[in-house]
C-alpha atoms as a PDB file:
ATOM      1  CA  UNK A   1     174.531  68.656 114.295  1.00  0.00           C
ATOM      2  CA  UNK A   2     175.057  69.452 110.442  1.00  0.00           C
ATOM      3  CA  UNK A   3     174.644  72.559 109.536  1.00  0.00           C
ATOM      4  CA  UNK A   4     172.905  73.078 105.474  1.00  0.00           C
ATOM      5  CA  UNK A   5     173.758  76.237 103.528  1.00  0.00           C
ATOM      6  CA  UNK A   6     170.820  76.263 101.383  1.00  0.00           C
ATOM      7  CA  UNK A   7     171.773  78.585  97.864  1.00  0.00           C
ATOM      8  CA  UNK A   8     168.910  79.763  95.483  1.00  0.00           C
ATOM      9  CA  UNK A   9     170.289  81.486  92.555  1.00  0.00           C
ATOM     10  CA  UNK A  10     168.542  83.208  89.491  1.00  0.00           C
ATOM     11  CA  UNK A  11     170.408  82.887  86.579  1.00  0.00           C
ATOM     12  CA  UNK A  12     170.503  84.643  83.198  1.00  0.00           C
ATOM     13  CA  UNK A  13     167.871  83.003  80.206  1.00  0.00           C
ATOM     14  CA  UNK A  14     169.742  80.065  79.032  1.00  0.00           C
ATOM     15  CA  UNK A  15     172.732  80.287  81.317  1.00  0.00           C
ATOM     16  CA  UNK A  16     171.635  77.004  83.286  1.00  0.00           C
ATOM     17  CA  UNK A  17     173.955  74.630  81.131  1.00  0.00           C
ATOM     18  CA  UNK A  18     177.010  76.656  81.666  1.00  0.00           C
ATOM     19  CA  UNK A  19     176.506  77.202  85.545  1.00  0.00           C
ATOM     20  CA  UNK A  20     176.269  73.244  85.952  1.00  0.00           C
ATOM     21  CA  UNK A  21     179.151  72.755  83.921  1.00  0.00           C
ATOM     22  CA  UNK A  22     180.986  74.909  86.533  1.00  0.00           C
ATOM     23  CA  UNK A  23     179.950  73.600  89.173  1.00  0.00           C
ATOM     24  CA  UNK A  24     180.728  70.203  88.031  1.00  0.00           C
ATOM     25  CA  UNK A  25     184.342  70.882  86.601  1.00  0.00           C
ATOM     26  CA  UNK A  26     185.198  73.211  89.512  1.00  0.00           C
ATOM     27  CA  UNK A  27     182.937  74.282  92.612  1.00  0.00           C
ATOM     28  CA  UNK A  28     182.111  70.309  93.321  1.00  0.00           C
ATOM     29  CA  UNK A  29     185.438  69.039  93.652  1.00  0.00           C
ATOM     30  CA  UNK A  30     186.660  72.244  95.452  1.00  0.00           C
ATOM     31  CA  UNK A  31     184.003  72.090  98.219  1.00  0.00           C
ATOM     32  CA  UNK A  32     184.520  68.082  98.396  1.00  0.00           C
ATOM     33  CA  UNK A  33     188.064  68.808  99.220  1.00  0.00           C
ATOM     34  CA  UNK A  34     187.719  70.956 102.060  1.00  0.00           C
ATOM     35  CA  UNK A  35     185.011  68.217 103.438  1.00  0.00           C
ATOM     36  CA  UNK A  36     181.906  69.814 102.219  1.00  0.00           C
ATOM     37  CA  UNK A  37     179.273  67.369 100.978  1.00  0.00           C
ATOM     38  CA  UNK A  38     176.596  68.007  98.162  1.00  0.00           C
ATOM     39  CA  UNK A  39     173.478  67.398 100.310  1.00  0.00           C
ATOM     40  CA  UNK A  40     171.022  68.864  96.852  1.00  0.00           C
ATOM     41  CA  UNK A  41     171.447  70.425  93.689  1.00  0.00           C
ATOM     42  CA  UNK A  42     168.360  70.973  91.804  1.00  0.00           C
ATOM     43  CA  UNK A  43     167.496  73.202  88.273  1.00  0.00           C
ATOM     44  CA  UNK A  44     163.828  74.182  87.813  1.00  0.00           C
ATOM     45  CA  UNK A  45     161.527  73.014  85.158  1.00  0.00           C
ATOM     46  CA  UNK A  46     158.074  73.973  85.504  1.00  0.00           C
ATOM     47  CA  UNK A  47     157.465  77.490  86.931  1.00  0.00           C
ATOM     48  CA  UNK A  48     159.595  79.992  87.540  1.00  0.00           C
ATOM     49  CA  UNK A  49     162.475  79.229  85.027  1.00  0.00           C
ATOM     50  CA  UNK A  50     166.306  80.085  85.550  1.00  0.00           C
ATOM     51  CA  UNK A  51     166.126  79.106  88.857  1.00  0.00           C
ATOM     52  CA  UNK A  52     169.022  76.478  90.726  1.00  0.00           C
ATOM     53  CA  UNK A  53     169.059  75.574  94.649  1.00  0.00           C
ATOM     54  CA  UNK A  54     172.170  74.002  95.731  1.00  0.00           C
ATOM     55  CA  UNK A  55     172.397  72.785  99.181  1.00  0.00           C
ATOM     56  CA  UNK A  56     175.710  72.285 101.103  1.00  0.00           C
ATOM     57  CA  UNK A  57     176.046  70.609 104.209  1.00  0.00           C
ATOM     58  CA  UNK A  58     178.942  71.039 106.838  1.00  0.00           C
ATOM     59  CA  UNK A  59     179.824  69.189 110.113  1.00  0.00           C
ATOM     60  CA  UNK A  60     178.895  72.069 112.200  1.00  0.00           C
ATOM     61  CA  UNK A  61     179.108  76.046 112.693  1.00  0.00           C
ATOM     62  CA  UNK A  62     182.686  75.577 113.217  1.00  0.00           C
ATOM     63  CA  UNK A  63     183.658  73.382 110.064  1.00  0.00           C
ATOM     64  CA  UNK A  64     181.147  75.656 107.882  1.00  0.00           C
ATOM     65  CA  UNK A  65     183.729  78.935 108.982  1.00  0.00           C
ATOM     66  CA  UNK A  66     186.733  76.782 107.929  1.00  0.00           C
ATOM     67  CA  UNK A  67     186.007  75.191 105.017  1.00  0.00           C
ATOM     68  CA  UNK A  68     184.203  78.618 103.653  1.00  0.00           C
ATOM     69  CA  UNK A  69     187.902  80.410 104.283  1.00  0.00           C
ATOM     70  CA  UNK A  70     189.407  77.650 102.583  1.00  0.00           C
ATOM     71  CA  UNK A  71     187.584  77.734  99.450  1.00  0.00           C
ATOM     72  CA  UNK A  72     187.716  81.591  99.436  1.00  0.00           C
ATOM     73  CA  UNK A  73     191.204  81.410  99.734  1.00  0.00           C
ATOM     74  CA  UNK A  74     191.873  78.584  97.013  1.00  0.00           C
ATOM     75  CA  UNK A  75     193.219  80.104  93.846  1.00  0.00           C
ATOM     76  CA  UNK A  76     191.183  77.929  91.850  1.00  0.00           C
ATOM     77  CA  UNK A  77     188.152  79.366  93.508  1.00  0.00           C
ATOM     78  CA  UNK A  78     188.862  83.452  92.489  1.00  0.00           C
ATOM     79  CA  UNK A  79     191.099  82.450  89.541  1.00  0.00           C
ATOM     80  CA  UNK A  80     188.588  80.090  87.688  1.00  0.00           C
ATOM     81  CA  UNK A  81     185.277  79.927  89.299  1.00  0.00           C
ATOM     82  CA  UNK A  82     184.320  82.998  90.296  1.00  0.00           C
ATOM     83  CA  UNK A  83     184.419  84.368  86.865  1.00  0.00           C
ATOM     84  CA  UNK A  84     183.326  81.996  84.997  1.00  0.00           C
ATOM     85  CA  UNK A  85     179.986  81.932  86.669  1.00  0.00           C
ATOM     86  CA  UNK A  86     180.216  85.864  87.710  1.00  0.00           C
ATOM     87  CA  UNK A  87     178.230  86.840  84.329  1.00  0.00           C
ATOM     88  CA  UNK A  88     175.930  84.121  84.692  1.00  0.00           C
ATOM     89  CA  UNK A  89     174.104  84.965  88.112  1.00  0.00           C
ATOM     90  CA  UNK A  90     171.287  87.497  87.977  1.00  0.00           C
ATOM     91  CA  UNK A  91     170.298  87.038  91.938  1.00  0.00           C
ATOM     92  CA  UNK A  92     171.084  85.019  95.057  1.00  0.00           C
ATOM     93  CA  UNK A  93     169.436  84.008  98.502  1.00  0.00           C
ATOM     94  CA  UNK A  94     171.354  82.358 101.089  1.00  0.00           C
ATOM     95  CA  UNK A  95     170.029  80.565 104.218  1.00  0.00           C
ATOM     96  CA  UNK A  96     171.688  78.586 107.006  1.00  0.00           C
ATOM     97  CA  UNK A  97     169.435  75.341 107.789  1.00  0.00           C
ATOM     98  CA  UNK A  98     169.692  72.978 110.438  1.00  0.00           C
ATOM     99  CA  UNK A  99     167.914  69.590 110.095  1.00  0.00           C
ATOM    100  CA  UNK A 100     166.202  67.468 112.768  1.00  0.00           C
ATOM    101  CA  UNK A 101     167.496  64.472 114.183  1.00  0.00           C
ATOM    102  CA  UNK A 102     165.320  62.059 112.397  1.00  0.00           C
ATOM    103  CA  UNK A 103     166.306  63.698 108.613  1.00  0.00           C
ATOM    104  CA  UNK A 104     169.244  62.159 106.963  1.00  0.00           C
ATOM    105  CA  UNK A 105     172.738  62.678 108.837  1.00  0.00           C
ATOM    106  CA  UNK A 106     175.416  63.418 105.807  1.00  0.00           C
ATOM    107  CA  UNK A 107     178.258  63.128 108.608  1.00  0.00           C
ATOM    108  CA  UNK A 108     176.616  60.161 110.419  1.00  0.00           C
ATOM    109  CA  UNK A 109     179.753  57.327 110.906  1.00  0.00           C
END
């Protein structure tokens, strides 16, 4: 059963384009390198502004633990990505989510 890492960030006003560029250029390819799939990526347009949500899919809890360790140990994560986005983020909320059997499965073969 897939596990979803649901992340909601509040960014500094005007920081969304810079944050999106860092994700596109560094975080997304890095996560994909370790088998993490992007299940959703959204930013606010109306309502609470400067909000970004991303959802990362893992095959199971073991894959989540292994892949997160690999990403955190990758020199590009701490050397390029984290310094680039650190000053853009005001707050973060993270949840682990499961999906029912009738939902699309990102790792279905």
